[in-house]
């Protein structure tokens, strides 16, 4: 549930970023008081800035996701350790339970 919310939130953020950038670019072209060449150069510079900002934001989000995944893996391992230890102790407990039975069987076969 939380994962779905984070994914929708991230997609919404990047969608808003893209739509806002496009609307801003369109408004800049429509209301620009300078020549087309100057406007295109500004548009090119702004698009590079927007791309760089998007890359930076994506890298930050990826870092957050990796950190969260690492924390989840640690939590799972921490919760699994007691079960693993219990699983290793079970054969010993069963061996102790069945040893007298096996010895009795061996004695009965030898007699």
PDB file of N, CA and C in Angstrom:
ATOM      1  N   UNK A   1       0.829  -1.181   0.000  1.00  0.00           N
ATOM      2  CA  UNK A   1       0.000   0.000   0.000  1.00  0.00           C
ATOM      3  C   UNK A   1       0.880   1.254   0.000  1.00  0.00           C
ATOM      4  N   UNK A   2       1.863   1.291   0.905  1.00  0.00           N
ATOM      5  CA  UNK A   2       2.746   2.441   0.982  1.00  0.00           C
ATOM      6  C   UNK A   2       3.565   2.566  -0.292  1.00  0.00           C
ATOM      7  N   UNK A   3       3.995   1.439  -0.841  1.00  0.00           N
ATOM      8  CA  UNK A   3       4.793   1.426  -2.069  1.00  0.00           C
ATOM      9  C   UNK A   3       3.991   2.016  -3.222  1.00  0.00           C
ATOM     10  N   UNK A   4       2.711   1.660  -3.322  1.00  0.00           N
ATOM     11  CA  UNK A   4       1.848   2.189  -4.373  1.00  0.00           C
ATOM     12  C   UNK A   4       1.686   3.696  -4.209  1.00  0.00           C
ATOM     13  N   UNK A   5       1.505   4.151  -2.979  1.00  0.00           N
ATOM     14  CA  UNK A   5       1.360   5.574  -2.723  1.00  0.00           C
ATOM     15  C   UNK A   5       2.625   6.317  -3.132  1.00  0.00           C
ATOM     16  N   UNK A   6       3.806   5.798  -2.763  1.00  0.00           N
ATOM     17  CA  UNK A   6       5.071   6.445  -3.121  1.00  0.00           C
ATOM     18  C   UNK A   6       5.252   6.491  -4.627  1.00  0.00           C
ATOM     19  N   UNK A   7       4.888   5.405  -5.318  1.00  0.00           N
ATOM     20  CA  UNK A   7       5.032   5.355  -6.770  1.00  0.00           C
ATOM     21  C   UNK A   7       4.114   6.394  -7.411  1.00  0.00           C
ATOM     22  N   UNK A   8       2.858   6.471  -6.955  1.00  0.00           N
ATOM     23  CA  UNK A   8       1.926   7.445  -7.513  1.00  0.00           C
ATOM     24  C   UNK A   8       2.406   8.865  -7.218  1.00  0.00           C
ATOM     25  N   UNK A   9       2.935   9.059  -6.029  1.00  0.00           N
ATOM     26  CA  UNK A   9       3.428  10.368  -5.634  1.00  0.00           C
ATOM     27  C   UNK A   9       4.603  10.781  -6.518  1.00  0.00           C
ATOM     28  N   UNK A  10       5.508   9.871  -6.775  1.00  0.00           N
ATOM     29  CA  UNK A  10       6.673  10.159  -7.617  1.00  0.00           C
ATOM     30  C   UNK A  10       6.252  10.417  -9.050  1.00  0.00           C
ATOM     31  N   UNK A  11       5.359   9.595  -9.577  1.00  0.00           N
ATOM     32  CA  UNK A  11       4.872   9.789 -10.948  1.00  0.00           C
ATOM     33  C   UNK A  11       4.156  11.121 -11.062  1.00  0.00           C
ATOM     34  N   UNK A  12       3.353  11.448 -10.058  1.00  0.00           N
ATOM     35  CA  UNK A  12       2.657  12.734 -10.067  1.00  0.00           C
ATOM     36  C   UNK A  12       3.614  13.907 -10.035  1.00  0.00           C
ATOM     37  N   UNK A  13       4.668  13.766  -9.255  1.00  0.00           N
ATOM     38  CA  UNK A  13       5.674  14.834  -9.174  1.00  0.00           C
ATOM     39  C   UNK A  13       6.314  15.074 -10.531  1.00  0.00           C
ATOM     40  N   UNK A  14       6.772  13.994 -11.180  1.00  0.00           N
ATOM     41  CA  UNK A  14       7.454  14.151 -12.461  1.00  0.00           C
ATOM     42  C   UNK A  14       6.486  14.583 -13.558  1.00  0.00           C
ATOM     43  N   UNK A  15       5.250  14.145 -13.495  1.00  0.00           N
ATOM     44  CA  UNK A  15       4.253  14.597 -14.462  1.00  0.00           C
ATOM     45  C   UNK A  15       4.027  16.094 -14.302  1.00  0.00           C
ATOM     46  N   UNK A  16       3.892  16.538 -13.064  1.00  0.00           N
ATOM     47  CA  UNK A  16       3.703  17.967 -12.802  1.00  0.00           C
ATOM     48  C   UNK A  16       4.895  18.790 -13.246  1.00  0.00           C
ATOM     49  N   UNK A  17       6.078  18.238 -13.024  1.00  0.00           N
ATOM     50  CA  UNK A  17       7.297  18.914 -13.450  1.00  0.00           C
ATOM     51  C   UNK A  17       7.333  19.077 -14.964  1.00  0.00           C
ATOM     52  N   UNK A  18       6.995  18.023 -15.678  1.00  0.00           N
ATOM     53  CA  UNK A  18       6.989  18.057 -17.137  1.00  0.00           C
ATOM     54  C   UNK A  18       5.928  19.013 -17.664  1.00  0.00           C
ATOM     55  N   UNK A  19       4.703  18.895 -17.157  1.00  0.00           N
ATOM     56  CA  UNK A  19       3.612  19.764 -17.623  1.00  0.00           C
ATOM     57  C   UNK A  19       3.926  21.229 -17.299  1.00  0.00           C
ATOM     58  N   UNK A  20       4.420  21.496 -16.111  1.00  0.00           N
ATOM     59  CA  UNK A  20       4.781  22.873 -15.735  1.00  0.00           C
ATOM     60  C   UNK A  20       5.861  23.433 -16.631  1.00  0.00           C
ATOM     61  N   UNK A  21       6.845  22.594 -16.954  1.00  0.00           N
ATOM     62  CA  UNK A  21       7.912  23.037 -17.853  1.00  0.00           C
ATOM     63  C   UNK A  21       7.383  23.362 -19.244  1.00  0.00           C
ATOM     64  N   UNK A  22       6.493  22.511 -19.746  1.00  0.00           N
ATOM     65  CA  UNK A  22       5.917  22.751 -21.075  1.00  0.00           C
ATOM     66  C   UNK A  22       5.052  24.008 -21.099  1.00  0.00           C
ATOM     67  N   UNK A  23       4.246  24.197 -20.067  1.00  0.00           N
ATOM     68  CA  UNK A  23       3.399  25.393 -19.998  1.00  0.00           C
ATOM     69  C   UNK A  23       4.270  26.648 -19.911  1.00  0.00           C
ATOM     70  N   UNK A  24       5.308  26.577 -19.088  1.00  0.00           N
ATOM     71  CA  UNK A  24       6.218  27.719 -18.964  1.00  0.00           C
ATOM     72  C   UNK A  24       6.918  28.029 -20.277  1.00  0.00           C
ATOM     73  N   UNK A  25       7.343  26.981 -20.977  1.00  0.00           N
ATOM     74  CA  UNK A  25       8.013  27.183 -22.265  1.00  0.00           C
ATOM     75  C   UNK A  25       7.054  27.805 -23.280  1.00  0.00           C
ATOM     76  N   UNK A  26       5.831  27.312 -23.305  1.00  0.00           N
ATOM     77  CA  UNK A  26       4.839  27.867 -24.231  1.00  0.00           C
ATOM     78  C   UNK A  26       4.539  29.321 -23.925  1.00  0.00           C
ATOM     79  N   UNK A  27       4.385  29.633 -22.649  1.00  0.00           N
ATOM     80  CA  UNK A  27       4.118  31.027 -22.263  1.00  0.00           C
ATOM     81  C   UNK A  27       5.298  31.913 -22.620  1.00  0.00           C
ATOM     82  N   UNK A  28       6.492  31.388 -22.427  1.00  0.00           N
ATOM     83  CA  UNK A  28       7.686  32.163 -22.758  1.00  0.00           C
ATOM     84  C   UNK A  28       7.719  32.472 -24.253  1.00  0.00           C
ATOM     85  N   UNK A  29       7.363  31.499 -25.082  1.00  0.00           N
ATOM     86  CA  UNK A  29       7.376  31.725 -26.534  1.00  0.00           C
ATOM     87  C   UNK A  29       6.309  32.737 -26.955  1.00  0.00           C
ATOM     88  N   UNK A  30       5.131  32.649 -26.328  1.00  0.00           N
ATOM     89  CA  UNK A  30       4.034  33.540 -26.706  1.00  0.00           C
ATOM     90  C   UNK A  30       4.264  34.987 -26.278  1.00  0.00           C
ATOM     91  N   UNK A  31       4.832  35.187 -25.123  1.00  0.00           N
ATOM     92  CA  UNK A  31       4.939  36.533 -24.571  1.00  0.00           C
ATOM     93  C   UNK A  31       6.362  37.099 -24.630  1.00  0.00           C
ATOM     94  N   UNK A  32       7.210  36.488 -25.400  1.00  0.00           N
ATOM     95  CA  UNK A  32       8.604  36.923 -25.469  1.00  0.00           C
ATOM     96  C   UNK A  32       8.727  38.244 -26.243  1.00  0.00           C
ATOM     97  N   UNK A  33       9.381  39.247 -25.650  1.00  0.00           N
ATOM     98  CA  UNK A  33       9.542  40.530 -26.350  1.00  0.00           C
ATOM     99  C   UNK A  33      10.767  40.556 -27.282  1.00  0.00           C
ATOM    100  N   UNK A  34      11.602  39.555 -27.247  1.00  0.00           N
ATOM    101  CA  UNK A  34      12.808  39.568 -28.071  1.00  0.00           C
ATOM    102  C   UNK A  34      12.622  38.704 -29.320  1.00  0.00           C
ATOM    103  N   UNK A  35      13.664  38.656 -30.132  1.00  0.00           N
ATOM    104  CA  UNK A  35      13.601  37.945 -31.408  1.00  0.00           C
ATOM    105  C   UNK A  35      13.520  36.439 -31.187  1.00  0.00           C
ATOM    106  N   UNK A  36      13.167  35.729 -32.247  1.00  0.00           N
ATOM    107  CA  UNK A  36      13.038  34.279 -32.185  1.00  0.00           C
ATOM    108  C   UNK A  36      14.343  33.583 -31.853  1.00  0.00           C
ATOM    109  N   UNK A  37      15.459  34.096 -32.371  1.00  0.00           N
ATOM    110  CA  UNK A  37      16.768  33.473 -32.103  1.00  0.00           C
ATOM    111  C   UNK A  37      17.111  33.568 -30.622  1.00  0.00           C
ATOM    112  N   UNK A  38      16.916  34.742 -30.061  1.00  0.00           N
ATOM    113  CA  UNK A  38      17.205  34.938 -28.636  1.00  0.00           C
ATOM    114  C   UNK A  38      16.274  34.058 -27.803  1.00  0.00           C
ATOM    115  N   UNK A  39      15.009  34.011 -28.191  1.00  0.00           N
ATOM    116  CA  UNK A  39      14.035  33.202 -27.470  1.00  0.00           C
ATOM    117  C   UNK A  39      14.397  31.717 -27.545  1.00  0.00           C
ATOM    118  N   UNK A  40      14.796  31.261 -28.719  1.00  0.00           N
ATOM    119  CA  UNK A  40      15.191  29.853 -28.861  1.00  0.00           C
ATOM    120  C   UNK A  40      16.411  29.536 -28.013  1.00  0.00           C
ATOM    121  N   UNK A  41      17.358  30.447 -27.978  1.00  0.00           N
ATOM    122  CA  UNK A  41      18.549  30.243 -27.139  1.00  0.00           C
ATOM    123  C   UNK A  41      18.174  30.164 -25.654  1.00  0.00           C
ATOM    124  N   UNK A  42      17.295  31.060 -25.226  1.00  0.00           N
ATOM    125  CA  UNK A  42      16.836  31.018 -23.839  1.00  0.00           C
ATOM    126  C   UNK A  42      16.076  29.728 -23.555  1.00  0.00           C
ATOM    127  N   UNK A  43      15.240  29.346 -24.506  1.00  0.00           N
ATOM    128  CA  UNK A  43      14.468  28.113 -24.352  1.00  0.00           C
ATOM    129  C   UNK A  43      15.416  26.918 -24.239  1.00  0.00           C
ATOM    130  N   UNK A  44      16.450  26.910 -25.055  1.00  0.00           N
ATOM    131  CA  UNK A  44      17.438  25.823 -25.017  1.00  0.00           C
ATOM    132  C   UNK A  44      18.148  25.790 -23.660  1.00  0.00           C
ATOM    133  N   UNK A  45      18.547  26.959 -23.165  1.00  0.00           N
ATOM    134  CA  UNK A  45      19.225  27.026 -21.872  1.00  0.00           C
ATOM    135  C   UNK A  45      18.301  26.576 -20.740  1.00  0.00           C
ATOM    136  N   UNK A  46      17.057  27.038 -20.786  1.00  0.00           N
ATOM    137  CA  UNK A  46      16.093  26.646 -19.751  1.00  0.00           C
ATOM    138  C   UNK A  46      15.818  25.148 -19.796  1.00  0.00           C
ATOM    139  N   UNK A  47      15.744  24.585 -21.009  1.00  0.00           N
ATOM    140  CA  UNK A  47      15.484  23.148 -21.105  1.00  0.00           C
ATOM    141  C   UNK A  47      16.658  22.343 -20.550  1.00  0.00           C
ATOM    142  N   UNK A  48      17.875  22.837 -20.761  1.00  0.00           N
ATOM    143  CA  UNK A  48      19.056  22.167 -20.187  1.00  0.00           C
ATOM    144  C   UNK A  48      19.004  22.252 -18.664  1.00  0.00           C
ATOM    145  N   UNK A  49      18.646  23.412 -18.139  1.00  0.00           N
ATOM    146  CA  UNK A  49      18.520  23.564 -16.681  1.00  0.00           C
ATOM    147  C   UNK A  49      17.448  22.626 -16.128  1.00  0.00           C
ATOM    148  N   UNK A  50      16.320  22.560 -16.825  1.00  0.00           N
ATOM    149  CA  UNK A  50      15.232  21.682 -16.392  1.00  0.00           C
ATOM    150  C   UNK A  50      15.676  20.222 -16.417  1.00  0.00           C
ATOM    151  N   UNK A  51      16.400  19.843 -17.478  1.00  0.00           N
ATOM    152  CA  UNK A  51      16.908  18.466 -17.566  1.00  0.00           C
ATOM    153  C   UNK A  51      17.857  18.170 -16.411  1.00  0.00           C
ATOM    154  N   UNK A  52      18.777  19.090 -16.140  1.00  0.00           N
ATOM    155  CA  UNK A  52      19.727  18.886 -15.052  1.00  0.00           C
ATOM    156  C   UNK A  52      19.018  18.774 -13.702  1.00  0.00           C
ATOM    157  N   UNK A  53      18.020  19.613 -13.508  1.00  0.00           N
ATOM    158  CA  UNK A  53      17.259  19.579 -12.260  1.00  0.00           C
ATOM    159  C   UNK A  53      16.495  18.258 -12.132  1.00  0.00           C
ATOM    160  N   UNK A  54      15.940  17.775 -13.240  1.00  0.00           N
ATOM    161  CA  UNK A  54      15.217  16.504 -13.235  1.00  0.00           C
ATOM    162  C   UNK A  54      16.162  15.346 -12.932  1.00  0.00           C
ATOM    163  N   UNK A  55      17.332  15.355 -13.536  1.00  0.00           N
ATOM    164  CA  UNK A  55      18.325  14.300 -13.282  1.00  0.00           C
ATOM    165  C   UNK A  55      18.730  14.311 -11.809  1.00  0.00           C
ATOM    166  N   UNK A  56      18.954  15.485 -11.256  1.00  0.00           N
ATOM    167  CA  UNK A  56      19.341  15.592  -9.849  1.00  0.00           C
ATOM    168  C   UNK A  56      18.235  15.039  -8.947  1.00  0.00           C
ATOM    169  N   UNK A  57      16.997  15.412  -9.233  1.00  0.00           N
ATOM    170  CA  UNK A  57      15.879  14.933  -8.432  1.00  0.00           C
ATOM    171  C   UNK A  57      15.733  13.419  -8.542  1.00  0.00           C
ATOM    172  N   UNK A  58      15.892  12.893  -9.749  1.00  0.00           N
ATOM    173  CA  UNK A  58      15.794  11.445  -9.946  1.00  0.00           C
ATOM    174  C   UNK A  58      16.891  10.726  -9.166  1.00  0.00           C
ATOM    175  N   UNK A  59      18.112  11.251  -9.210  1.00  0.00           N
ATOM    176  CA  UNK A  59      19.213  10.627  -8.478  1.00  0.00           C
ATOM    177  C   UNK A  59      18.938  10.633  -6.977  1.00  0.00           C
ATOM    178  N   UNK A  60      18.371  11.721  -6.471  1.00  0.00           N
ATOM    179  CA  UNK A  60      18.028  11.789  -5.050  1.00  0.00           C
ATOM    180  C   UNK A  60      16.963  10.746  -4.703  1.00  0.00           C
ATOM    181  N   UNK A  61      15.934  10.642  -5.544  1.00  0.00           N
ATOM    182  CA  UNK A  61      14.864   9.669  -5.295  1.00  0.00           C
ATOM    183  C   UNK A  61      15.396   8.241  -5.360  1.00  0.00           C
ATOM    184  N   UNK A  62      16.268   7.975  -6.323  1.00  0.00           N
ATOM    185  CA  UNK A  62      16.851   6.630  -6.442  1.00  0.00           C
ATOM    186  C   UNK A  62      17.673   6.320  -5.196  1.00  0.00           C
ATOM    187  N   UNK A  63      18.413   7.294  -4.704  1.00  0.00           N
ATOM    188  CA  UNK A  63      19.182   7.104  -3.470  1.00  0.00           C
ATOM    189  C   UNK A  63      18.277   6.805  -2.288  1.00  0.00           C
ATOM    190  N   UNK A  64      17.139   7.498  -2.205  1.00  0.00           N
ATOM    191  CA  UNK A  64      16.191   7.251  -1.128  1.00  0.00           C
ATOM    192  C   UNK A  64      15.600   5.848  -1.228  1.00  0.00           C
ATOM    193  N   UNK A  65      15.289   5.437  -2.447  1.00  0.00           N
ATOM    194  CA  UNK A  65      14.723   4.092  -2.642  1.00  0.00           C
ATOM    195  C   UNK A  65      15.752   3.034  -2.267  1.00  0.00           C
ATOM    196  N   UNK A  66      16.995   3.232  -2.664  1.00  0.00           N
ATOM    197  CA  UNK A  66      18.045   2.259  -2.316  1.00  0.00           C
ATOM    198  C   UNK A  66      18.236   2.181  -0.806  1.00  0.00           C
ATOM    199  N   UNK A  67      18.226   3.323  -0.144  1.00  0.00           N
ATOM    200  CA  UNK A  67      18.385   3.342   1.309  1.00  0.00           C
ATOM    201  C   UNK A  67      17.223   2.609   1.978  1.00  0.00           C
ATOM    202  N   UNK A  68      16.021   2.850   1.489  1.00  0.00           N
ATOM    203  CA  UNK A  68      14.834   2.191   2.056  1.00  0.00           C
ATOM    204  C   UNK A  68      14.903   0.686   1.821  1.00  0.00           C
ATOM    205  N   UNK A  69      15.328   0.279   0.622  1.00  0.00           N
ATOM    206  CA  UNK A  69      15.441  -1.145   0.321  1.00  0.00           C
ATOM    207  C   UNK A  69      16.491  -1.802   1.210  1.00  0.00           C
ATOM    208  N   UNK A  70      17.597  -1.121   1.435  1.00  0.00           N
ATOM    209  CA  UNK A  70      18.630  -1.652   2.323  1.00  0.00           C
ATOM    210  C   UNK A  70      18.121  -1.812   3.739  1.00  0.00           C
ATOM    211  N   UNK A  71      17.363  -0.836   4.210  1.00  0.00           N
ATOM    212  CA  UNK A  71      16.792  -0.912   5.557  1.00  0.00           C
ATOM    213  C   UNK A  71      15.793  -2.064   5.655  1.00  0.00           C
ATOM    214  N   UNK A  72      14.976  -2.228   4.629  1.00  0.00           N
ATOM    215  CA  UNK A  72      14.026  -3.342   4.627  1.00  0.00           C
ATOM    216  C   UNK A  72      14.750  -4.685   4.647  1.00  0.00           C
ATOM    217  N   UNK A  73      15.820  -4.796   3.885  1.00  0.00           N
ATOM    218  CA  UNK A  73      16.582  -6.047   3.868  1.00  0.00           C
ATOM    219  C   UNK A  73      17.170  -6.336   5.243  1.00  0.00           C
ATOM    220  N   UNK A  74      17.672  -5.302   5.918  1.00  0.00           N
ATOM    221  CA  UNK A  74      18.211  -5.490   7.270  1.00  0.00           C
ATOM    222  C   UNK A  74      17.111  -5.942   8.233  1.00  0.00           C
ATOM    223  N   UNK A  75      15.946  -5.327   8.131  1.00  0.00           N
ATOM    224  CA  UNK A  75      14.831  -5.698   9.009  1.00  0.00           C
ATOM    225  C   UNK A  75      14.400  -7.134   8.782  1.00  0.00           C
ATOM    226  N   UNK A  76      14.333  -7.544   7.524  1.00  0.00           N
ATOM    227  CA  UNK A  76      13.937  -8.925   7.214  1.00  0.00           C
ATOM    228  C   UNK A  76      14.967  -9.898   7.767  1.00  0.00           C
ATOM    229  N   UNK A  77      16.248  -9.579   7.584  1.00  0.00           N
ATOM    230  CA  UNK A  77      17.309 -10.458   8.091  1.00  0.00           C
ATOM    231  C   UNK A  77      17.242 -10.544   9.615  1.00  0.00           C
ATOM    232  N   UNK A  78      17.009  -9.401  10.263  1.00  0.00           N
ATOM    233  CA  UNK A  78      16.933  -9.382  11.718  1.00  0.00           C
ATOM    234  C   UNK A  78      15.769 -10.251  12.212  1.00  0.00           C
ATOM    235  N   UNK A  79      14.649 -10.201  11.513  1.00  0.00           N
ATOM    236  CA  UNK A  79      13.494 -11.002  11.908  1.00  0.00           C
ATOM    237  C   UNK A  79      13.676 -12.468  11.561  1.00  0.00           C
ATOM    238  N   UNK A  80      14.466 -12.766  10.544  1.00  0.00           N
ATOM    239  CA  UNK A  80      14.669 -14.149  10.123  1.00  0.00           C
ATOM    240  C   UNK A  80      15.693 -14.872  10.992  1.00  0.00           C
ATOM    241  N   UNK A  81      16.615 -14.157  11.613  1.00  0.00           N
ATOM    242  CA  UNK A  81      17.671 -14.782  12.409  1.00  0.00           C
ATOM    243  C   UNK A  81      17.141 -15.706  13.509  1.00  0.00           C
ATOM    244  N   UNK A  82      16.166 -15.292  14.314  1.00  0.00           N
ATOM    245  CA  UNK A  82      15.671 -16.214  15.350  1.00  0.00           C
ATOM    246  C   UNK A  82      15.090 -17.508  14.757  1.00  0.00           C
ATOM    247  N   UNK A  83      14.421 -17.404  13.627  1.00  0.00           N
ATOM    248  CA  UNK A  83      13.868 -18.602  12.999  1.00  0.00           C
ATOM    249  C   UNK A  83      14.972 -19.517  12.493  1.00  0.00           C
ATOM    250  N   UNK A  84      16.022 -18.922  11.962  1.00  0.00           N
ATOM    251  CA  UNK A  84      17.145 -19.717  11.476  1.00  0.00           C
ATOM    252  C   UNK A  84      17.818 -20.441  12.644  1.00  0.00           C
ATOM    253  N   UNK A  85      18.031 -19.751  13.746  1.00  0.00           N
ATOM    254  CA  UNK A  85      18.644 -20.373  14.919  1.00  0.00           C
ATOM    255  C   UNK A  85      17.754 -21.484  15.467  1.00  0.00           C
ATOM    256  N   UNK A  86      16.462 -21.225  15.487  1.00  0.00           N
ATOM    257  CA  UNK A  86      15.514 -22.239  15.966  1.00  0.00           C
ATOM    258  C   UNK A  86      15.532 -23.460  15.062  1.00  0.00           C
ATOM    259  N   UNK A  87      15.635 -23.222  13.760  1.00  0.00           N
ATOM    260  CA  UNK A  87      15.685 -24.325  12.806  1.00  0.00           C
ATOM    261  C   UNK A  87      16.945 -25.156  12.964  1.00  0.00           C
ATOM    262  N   UNK A  88      18.038 -24.532  13.331  1.00  0.00           N
ATOM    263  CA  UNK A  88      19.278 -25.267  13.538  1.00  0.00           C
ATOM    264  C   UNK A  88      19.240 -26.070  14.833  1.00  0.00           C
ATOM    265  N   UNK A  89      18.521 -25.589  15.821  1.00  0.00           N
ATOM    266  CA  UNK A  89      18.431 -26.297  17.097  1.00  0.00           C
ATOM    267  C   UNK A  89      17.469 -27.482  17.045  1.00  0.00           C
ATOM    268  N   UNK A  90      16.505 -27.444  16.144  1.00  0.00           N
ATOM    269  CA  UNK A  90      15.491 -28.502  16.086  1.00  0.00           C
ATOM    270  C   UNK A  90      16.085 -29.892  15.858  1.00  0.00           C
ATOM    271  N   UNK A  91      17.018 -30.080  14.916  1.00  0.00           N
ATOM    272  CA  UNK A  91      17.571 -31.430  14.744  1.00  0.00           C
ATOM    273  C   UNK A  91      18.247 -31.957  16.008  1.00  0.00           C
ATOM    274  N   UNK A  92      18.906 -31.064  16.747  1.00  0.00           N
ATOM    275  CA  UNK A  92      19.542 -31.496  17.989  1.00  0.00           C
ATOM    276  C   UNK A  92      18.497 -31.946  19.004  1.00  0.00           C
ATOM    277  N   UNK A  93      17.413 -31.204  19.105  1.00  0.00           N
ATOM    278  CA  UNK A  93      16.350 -31.574  20.045  1.00  0.00           C
ATOM    279  C   UNK A  93      15.721 -32.901  19.644  1.00  0.00           C
ATOM    280  N   UNK A  94      15.505 -33.098  18.358  1.00  0.00           N
ATOM    281  CA  UNK A  94      14.924 -34.357  17.879  1.00  0.00           C
ATOM    282  C   UNK A  94      15.884 -35.523  18.128  1.00  0.00           C
ATOM    283  N   UNK A  95      17.174 -35.251  17.951  1.00  0.00           N
ATOM    284  CA  UNK A  95      18.178 -36.281  18.178  1.00  0.00           C
ATOM    285  C   UNK A  95      18.156 -36.719  19.642  1.00  0.00           C
ATOM    286  N   UNK A  96      18.058 -35.744  20.552  1.00  0.00           N
ATOM    287  CA  UNK A  96      17.989 -36.055  21.979  1.00  0.00           C
ATOM    288  C   UNK A  96      16.723 -36.842  22.307  1.00  0.00           C
ATOM    289  N   UNK A  97      15.636 -36.517  21.638  1.00  0.00           N
ATOM    290  CA  UNK A  97      14.373 -37.212  21.888  1.00  0.00           C
ATOM    291  C   UNK A  97      14.439 -38.656  21.405  1.00  0.00           C
ATOM    292  N   UNK A  98      15.024 -38.867  20.247  1.00  0.00           N
ATOM    293  CA  UNK A  98      15.005 -40.196  19.636  1.00  0.00           C
ATOM    294  C   UNK A  98      16.200 -41.074  20.013  1.00  0.00           C
ATOM    295  N   UNK A  99      17.238 -40.507  20.618  1.00  0.00           N
ATOM    296  CA  UNK A  99      18.404 -41.310  20.991  1.00  0.00           C
ATOM    297  C   UNK A  99      18.058 -42.487  21.897  1.00  0.00           C
ATOM    298  N   UNK A 100      17.265 -42.303  22.961  1.00  0.00           N
ATOM    299  CA  UNK A 100      16.932 -43.460  23.799  1.00  0.00           C
ATOM    300  C   UNK A 100      16.150 -44.536  23.030  1.00  0.00           C
ATOM    301  N   UNK A 101      15.300 -44.103  22.130  1.00  0.00           N
ATOM    302  CA  UNK A 101      14.515 -45.054  21.347  1.00  0.00           C
ATOM    303  C   UNK A 101      15.439 -45.863  20.439  1.00  0.00           C
ATOM    304  N   UNK A 102      16.380 -45.167  19.792  1.00  0.00           N
ATOM    305  CA  UNK A 102      17.328 -45.840  18.897  1.00  0.00           C
ATOM    306  C   UNK A 102      18.198 -46.814  19.693  1.00  0.00           C
ATOM    307  N   UNK A 103      18.652 -46.387  20.844  1.00  0.00           N
ATOM    308  CA  UNK A 103      19.488 -47.271  21.674  1.00  0.00           C
ATOM    309  C   UNK A 103      18.693 -48.495  22.123  1.00  0.00           C
ATOM    310  N   UNK A 104      17.449 -48.313  22.493  1.00  0.00           N
ATOM    311  CA  UNK A 104      16.620 -49.431  22.887  1.00  0.00           C
ATOM    312  C   UNK A 104      16.442 -50.392  21.706  1.00  0.00           C
ATOM    313  N   UNK A 105      16.257 -49.827  20.516  1.00  0.00           N
ATOM    314  CA  UNK A 105      16.119 -50.657  19.317  1.00  0.00           C
ATOM    315  C   UNK A 105      17.390 -51.436  19.029  1.00  0.00           C
ATOM    316  N   UNK A 106      18.531 -50.792  19.164  1.00  0.00           N
ATOM    317  CA  UNK A 106      19.812 -51.466  18.942  1.00  0.00           C
ATOM    318  C   UNK A 106      20.001 -52.617  19.939  1.00  0.00           C
ATOM    319  N   UNK A 107      19.674 -52.358  21.186  1.00  0.00           N
ATOM    320  CA  UNK A 107      19.812 -53.402  22.219  1.00  0.00           C
ATOM    321  C   UNK A 107      18.883 -54.562  21.917  1.00  0.00           C
ATOM    322  N   UNK A 108      17.670 -54.253  21.478  1.00  0.00           N
ATOM    323  CA  UNK A 108      16.701 -55.301  21.170  1.00  0.00           C
ATOM    324  C   UNK A 108      17.166 -56.137  19.983  1.00  0.00           C
ATOM    325  N   UNK A 109      17.786 -55.546  19.009  1.00  0.00           N
ATOM    326  CA  UNK A 109      18.270 -56.265  17.823  1.00  0.00           C
ATOM    327  C   UNK A 109      19.454 -57.129  18.216  1.00  0.00           C
ATOM    328  N   UNK A 110      20.325 -56.659  19.052  1.00  0.00           N
ATOM    329  CA  UNK A 110      21.505 -57.416  19.452  1.00  0.00           C
ATOM    330  C   UNK A 110      21.133 -58.613  20.314  1.00  0.00           C
ATOM    331  N   UNK A 111      20.054 -58.502  21.063  1.00  0.00           N
ATOM    332  CA  UNK A 111      19.658 -59.617  21.952  1.00  0.00           C
ATOM    333  C   UNK A 111      18.945 -60.614  21.154  1.00  0.00           C
TER     334      UNK A 111
END
